[in-house]
Amino acid sequence: MDIKTINNIALNRANESAKPSQKTGGESPLKDNHVANTDKVTLTQTTTQMNNLEQTARTLSTNNSERIAEIKRAVQEGTYQVNAERVADKLMQTETLFARL
């Protein structure tokens, strides 16, 4: 189920419960200035870290054009070789980083 649908259902239920009751002569079931339910958003430490990383990544300037051209040339010439051990090491490093979050 789409989260928007869940939010809409919850909002509709909250609005229905806040409508004046027909049985009580039009009085609201909520007392004067009291609110029955309030929504609260709490960001976890992981979310905060991810937001910080995204901001840092946006500010980094990378210029890999030379490396990309070099790899393209090697692929076209048929001389590009994949170092499977290096790829595996990088995958393990990535998994280790995600495990810390």
N, C-alpha and C. Protein backbone atom coordinates (compact mmCIF):
# COMPACT_ATOMS: atom_id res chain seq x y z
N MET A 1 0.85 -1.18 0.00
CA MET A 1 0.00 0.00 0.00
C MET A 1 0.89 1.23 0.00
N ASP A 2 0.55 2.18 -0.80
CA ASP A 2 1.30 3.42 -0.92
C ASP A 2 1.17 4.23 0.37
N ILE A 3 2.27 4.83 0.83
CA ILE A 3 2.25 5.59 2.08
C ILE A 3 1.31 6.78 2.00
N LYS A 4 1.14 7.36 0.80
CA LYS A 4 0.22 8.48 0.67
C LYS A 4 -1.20 8.04 0.99
N THR A 5 -1.55 6.83 0.59
CA THR A 5 -2.88 6.30 0.87
C THR A 5 -3.07 6.14 2.37
N ILE A 6 -2.07 5.62 3.05
CA ILE A 6 -2.15 5.44 4.49
C ILE A 6 -2.31 6.78 5.18
N ASN A 7 -1.53 7.77 4.75
CA ASN A 7 -1.63 9.10 5.34
C ASN A 7 -3.01 9.70 5.10
N ASN A 8 -3.56 9.54 3.91
CA ASN A 8 -4.88 10.08 3.61
C ASN A 8 -5.95 9.42 4.45
N ILE A 9 -5.87 8.11 4.64
CA ILE A 9 -6.84 7.39 5.47
C ILE A 9 -6.78 7.91 6.90
N ALA A 10 -5.55 8.05 7.44
CA ALA A 10 -5.38 8.54 8.81
C ALA A 10 -5.91 9.96 8.94
N LEU A 11 -5.66 10.79 7.95
CA LEU A 11 -6.13 12.17 7.97
C LEU A 11 -7.65 12.22 7.93
N ASN A 12 -8.26 11.41 7.07
CA ASN A 12 -9.71 11.36 6.98
C ASN A 12 -10.34 10.91 8.29
N ARG A 13 -9.74 9.91 8.92
CA ARG A 13 -10.27 9.44 10.21
C ARG A 13 -10.15 10.52 11.28
N ALA A 14 -9.04 11.22 11.27
CA ALA A 14 -8.85 12.30 12.25
C ALA A 14 -9.85 13.42 12.02
N ASN A 15 -10.10 13.75 10.75
CA ASN A 15 -11.08 14.80 10.43
C ASN A 15 -12.48 14.39 10.83
N GLU A 16 -12.83 13.12 10.60
CA GLU A 16 -14.17 12.64 10.96
C GLU A 16 -14.38 12.67 12.47
N SER A 17 -13.33 12.32 13.22
CA SER A 17 -13.48 12.32 14.68
C SER A 17 -13.55 13.73 15.24
N ALA A 18 -13.04 14.71 14.50
CA ALA A 18 -13.06 16.09 14.97
C ALA A 18 -14.34 16.83 14.56
N LYS A 19 -15.16 16.22 13.71
CA LYS A 19 -16.41 16.87 13.28
C LYS A 19 -17.40 16.91 14.44
N PRO A 20 -18.26 17.93 14.47
CA PRO A 20 -19.27 18.00 15.53
C PRO A 20 -20.20 16.80 15.48
N SER A 21 -20.54 16.31 16.66
CA SER A 21 -21.41 15.15 16.75
C SER A 21 -22.87 15.57 16.58
N GLN A 22 -23.63 14.79 15.84
CA GLN A 22 -25.04 15.07 15.63
C GLN A 22 -25.83 14.84 16.92
N LYS A 23 -25.39 13.89 17.76
CA LYS A 23 -26.13 13.50 18.95
C LYS A 23 -25.98 14.49 20.09
N THR A 24 -24.90 15.26 20.13
CA THR A 24 -24.66 16.13 21.27
C THR A 24 -25.08 17.56 21.01
N GLY A 25 -25.89 17.76 20.02
CA GLY A 25 -26.39 19.10 19.76
C GLY A 25 -25.36 19.98 19.08
N GLY A 26 -24.44 19.39 18.32
CA GLY A 26 -23.47 20.18 17.56
C GLY A 26 -22.21 20.52 18.30
N GLU A 27 -22.05 20.03 19.54
CA GLU A 27 -20.83 20.31 20.28
C GLU A 27 -19.71 19.41 19.76
N SER A 28 -18.56 19.96 19.73
CA SER A 28 -17.39 19.19 19.29
C SER A 28 -16.99 18.22 20.38
N PRO A 29 -16.60 16.99 20.01
CA PRO A 29 -16.18 16.04 21.02
C PRO A 29 -14.87 16.45 21.69
N LEU A 30 -14.16 17.42 21.12
CA LEU A 30 -12.92 17.89 21.71
C LEU A 30 -13.23 19.04 22.65
N LYS A 31 -12.57 19.07 23.77
CA LYS A 31 -12.74 20.17 24.73
C LYS A 31 -12.10 21.43 24.15
N ASP A 32 -12.46 22.58 24.68
CA ASP A 32 -12.06 23.90 24.20
C ASP A 32 -10.78 23.93 23.36
N ASN A 33 -9.63 24.05 23.98
CA ASN A 33 -8.38 24.20 23.24
C ASN A 33 -7.53 22.94 23.24
N HIS A 34 -8.09 21.82 23.62
CA HIS A 34 -7.32 20.59 23.68
C HIS A 34 -7.33 19.89 22.32
N VAL A 35 -6.21 19.34 21.96
CA VAL A 35 -6.08 18.60 20.71
C VAL A 35 -5.99 17.13 21.06
N ALA A 36 -6.80 16.30 20.38
CA ALA A 36 -6.85 14.88 20.68
C ALA A 36 -5.53 14.19 20.32
N ASN A 37 -5.05 14.40 19.13
CA ASN A 37 -3.83 13.75 18.67
C ASN A 37 -2.91 14.77 18.02
N THR A 38 -1.64 14.58 18.20
CA THR A 38 -0.68 15.41 17.49
C THR A 38 0.31 14.50 16.81
N ASP A 39 0.76 14.92 15.64
CA ASP A 39 1.76 14.17 14.91
C ASP A 39 3.13 14.62 15.36
N LYS A 40 4.06 13.67 15.35
CA LYS A 40 5.42 13.99 15.76
C LYS A 40 6.37 13.27 14.82
N VAL A 41 7.37 13.98 14.35
CA VAL A 41 8.38 13.39 13.48
C VAL A 41 9.69 13.37 14.25
N THR A 42 10.30 12.20 14.31
CA THR A 42 11.58 12.05 14.98
C THR A 42 12.57 11.47 13.99
N LEU A 43 13.65 12.19 13.76
CA LEU A 43 14.69 11.70 12.87
C LEU A 43 15.67 10.87 13.67
N THR A 44 15.96 9.70 13.17
CA THR A 44 16.92 8.85 13.85
C THR A 44 18.32 9.35 13.54
N GLN A 45 19.27 8.85 14.30
CA GLN A 45 20.66 9.23 14.08
C GLN A 45 21.10 8.83 12.68
N THR A 46 20.62 7.68 12.20
CA THR A 46 20.98 7.22 10.86
C THR A 46 20.47 8.19 9.81
N THR A 47 19.25 8.65 9.96
CA THR A 47 18.68 9.60 9.00
C THR A 47 19.48 10.89 9.00
N THR A 48 19.84 11.35 10.16
CA THR A 48 20.63 12.57 10.27
C THR A 48 21.99 12.39 9.59
N GLN A 49 22.62 11.24 9.81
CA GLN A 49 23.90 10.96 9.17
C GLN A 49 23.75 10.92 7.65
N MET A 50 22.68 10.28 7.17
CA MET A 50 22.46 10.19 5.73
C MET A 50 22.25 11.58 5.13
N ASN A 51 21.50 12.42 5.81
CA ASN A 51 21.28 13.79 5.33
C ASN A 51 22.60 14.56 5.27
N ASN A 52 23.43 14.39 6.29
CA ASN A 52 24.74 15.06 6.29
C ASN A 52 25.61 14.55 5.15
N LEU A 53 25.60 13.25 4.91
CA LEU A 53 26.38 12.68 3.80
C LEU A 53 25.89 13.19 2.45
N GLU A 54 24.57 13.29 2.30
CA GLU A 54 24.02 13.81 1.04
C GLU A 54 24.47 15.25 0.81
N GLN A 55 24.44 16.06 1.85
CA GLN A 55 24.88 17.45 1.72
C GLN A 55 26.35 17.51 1.35
N THR A 56 27.17 16.68 1.98
CA THR A 56 28.60 16.65 1.67
C THR A 56 28.83 16.21 0.23
N ALA A 57 28.10 15.19 -0.21
CA ALA A 57 28.26 14.68 -1.57
C ALA A 57 27.88 15.74 -2.60
N ARG A 58 26.88 16.54 -2.29
CA ARG A 58 26.46 17.60 -3.22
C ARG A 58 27.54 18.67 -3.38
N THR A 59 28.31 18.89 -2.33
CA THR A 59 29.30 19.95 -2.38
C THR A 59 30.64 19.50 -2.97
N LEU A 60 30.84 18.20 -3.08
CA LEU A 60 32.10 17.70 -3.63
C LEU A 60 32.15 17.92 -5.13
N SER A 61 33.30 18.32 -5.58
CA SER A 61 33.46 18.49 -7.01
C SER A 61 34.35 17.35 -7.50
N THR A 62 33.85 16.60 -8.45
CA THR A 62 34.62 15.49 -8.99
C THR A 62 34.81 15.70 -10.47
N ASN A 63 36.02 15.47 -10.90
CA ASN A 63 36.32 15.56 -12.31
C ASN A 63 37.04 14.28 -12.71
N ASN A 64 36.26 13.32 -13.16
CA ASN A 64 36.80 12.02 -13.55
C ASN A 64 36.88 11.89 -15.06
N SER A 65 36.81 12.98 -15.77
CA SER A 65 36.73 12.89 -17.23
C SER A 65 37.96 12.20 -17.83
N GLU A 66 39.14 12.47 -17.27
CA GLU A 66 40.34 11.81 -17.80
C GLU A 66 40.29 10.30 -17.56
N ARG A 67 39.90 9.92 -16.36
CA ARG A 67 39.82 8.48 -16.02
C ARG A 67 38.76 7.79 -16.87
N ILE A 68 37.64 8.44 -17.09
CA ILE A 68 36.57 7.87 -17.91
C ILE A 68 37.04 7.69 -19.34
N ALA A 69 37.73 8.68 -19.88
CA ALA A 69 38.25 8.58 -21.25
C ALA A 69 39.27 7.44 -21.36
N GLU A 70 40.08 7.30 -20.33
CA GLU A 70 41.10 6.24 -20.30
C GLU A 70 40.43 4.85 -20.31
N ILE A 71 39.40 4.69 -19.50
CA ILE A 71 38.69 3.41 -19.45
C ILE A 71 37.97 3.13 -20.77
N LYS A 72 37.34 4.16 -21.34
CA LYS A 72 36.66 3.97 -22.63
C LYS A 72 37.65 3.51 -23.71
N ARG A 73 38.81 4.15 -23.72
CA ARG A 73 39.84 3.77 -24.70
C ARG A 73 40.25 2.31 -24.51
N ALA A 74 40.48 1.91 -23.26
CA ALA A 74 40.89 0.54 -22.97
C ALA A 74 39.81 -0.46 -23.37
N VAL A 75 38.56 -0.12 -23.13
CA VAL A 75 37.45 -1.01 -23.50
C VAL A 75 37.39 -1.14 -25.02
N GLN A 76 37.49 -0.01 -25.73
CA GLN A 76 37.44 -0.04 -27.20
C GLN A 76 38.60 -0.82 -27.80
N GLU A 77 39.76 -0.72 -27.17
CA GLU A 77 40.93 -1.43 -27.66
C GLU A 77 40.97 -2.89 -27.20
N GLY A 78 40.08 -3.22 -26.27
CA GLY A 78 40.03 -4.60 -25.76
C GLY A 78 41.11 -4.90 -24.74
N THR A 79 41.69 -3.87 -24.16
CA THR A 79 42.76 -4.08 -23.19
C THR A 79 42.32 -3.86 -21.74
N TYR A 80 41.06 -3.51 -21.54
CA TYR A 80 40.58 -3.26 -20.18
C TYR A 80 40.41 -4.58 -19.45
N GLN A 81 40.98 -4.67 -18.26
CA GLN A 81 40.87 -5.89 -17.46
C GLN A 81 40.26 -5.55 -16.11
N VAL A 82 39.32 -6.37 -15.71
CA VAL A 82 38.66 -6.19 -14.41
C VAL A 82 39.47 -6.93 -13.36
N ASN A 83 39.79 -6.25 -12.30
CA ASN A 83 40.49 -6.86 -11.18
C ASN A 83 39.43 -7.33 -10.19
N ALA A 84 39.06 -8.60 -10.28
CA ALA A 84 37.97 -9.16 -9.47
C ALA A 84 38.25 -9.02 -7.98
N GLU A 85 39.48 -9.16 -7.58
CA GLU A 85 39.82 -9.05 -6.15
C GLU A 85 39.58 -7.61 -5.66
N ARG A 86 39.93 -6.64 -6.48
CA ARG A 86 39.72 -5.24 -6.10
C ARG A 86 38.22 -4.92 -6.02
N VAL A 87 37.46 -5.45 -6.98
CA VAL A 87 36.01 -5.24 -6.96
C VAL A 87 35.42 -5.84 -5.70
N ALA A 88 35.83 -7.06 -5.36
CA ALA A 88 35.32 -7.72 -4.15
C ALA A 88 35.69 -6.94 -2.90
N ASP A 89 36.93 -6.44 -2.84
CA ASP A 89 37.35 -5.63 -1.69
C ASP A 89 36.49 -4.38 -1.54
N LYS A 90 36.23 -3.70 -2.64
CA LYS A 90 35.41 -2.48 -2.59
C LYS A 90 33.98 -2.80 -2.16
N LEU A 91 33.44 -3.93 -2.63
CA LEU A 91 32.09 -4.33 -2.21
C LEU A 91 32.05 -4.59 -0.71
N MET A 92 33.08 -5.24 -0.20
CA MET A 92 33.14 -5.53 1.23
C MET A 92 33.27 -4.23 2.04
N GLN A 93 34.04 -3.28 1.54
CA GLN A 93 34.16 -1.99 2.22
C GLN A 93 32.81 -1.29 2.29
N THR A 94 32.08 -1.34 1.18
CA THR A 94 30.76 -0.71 1.13
C THR A 94 29.81 -1.38 2.13
N GLU A 95 29.81 -2.70 2.16
CA GLU A 95 28.95 -3.43 3.09
C GLU A 95 29.32 -3.11 4.54
N THR A 96 30.60 -2.99 4.81
CA THR A 96 31.04 -2.65 6.17
C THR A 96 30.55 -1.27 6.55
N LEU A 97 30.61 -0.32 5.65
CA LEU A 97 30.13 1.02 5.93
C LEU A 97 28.63 1.02 6.21
N PHE A 98 27.86 0.28 5.42
CA PHE A 98 26.41 0.22 5.64
C PHE A 98 26.07 -0.50 6.93
N ALA A 99 26.87 -1.47 7.33
CA ALA A 99 26.63 -2.20 8.58
C ALA A 99 26.79 -1.28 9.78
N ARG A 100 27.63 -0.26 9.66
CA ARG A 100 27.86 0.68 10.76
C ARG A 100 26.66 1.59 10.97
N LEU A 101 25.90 1.83 9.91
CA LEU A 101 24.76 2.73 10.03
C LEU A 101 23.69 2.00 10.77
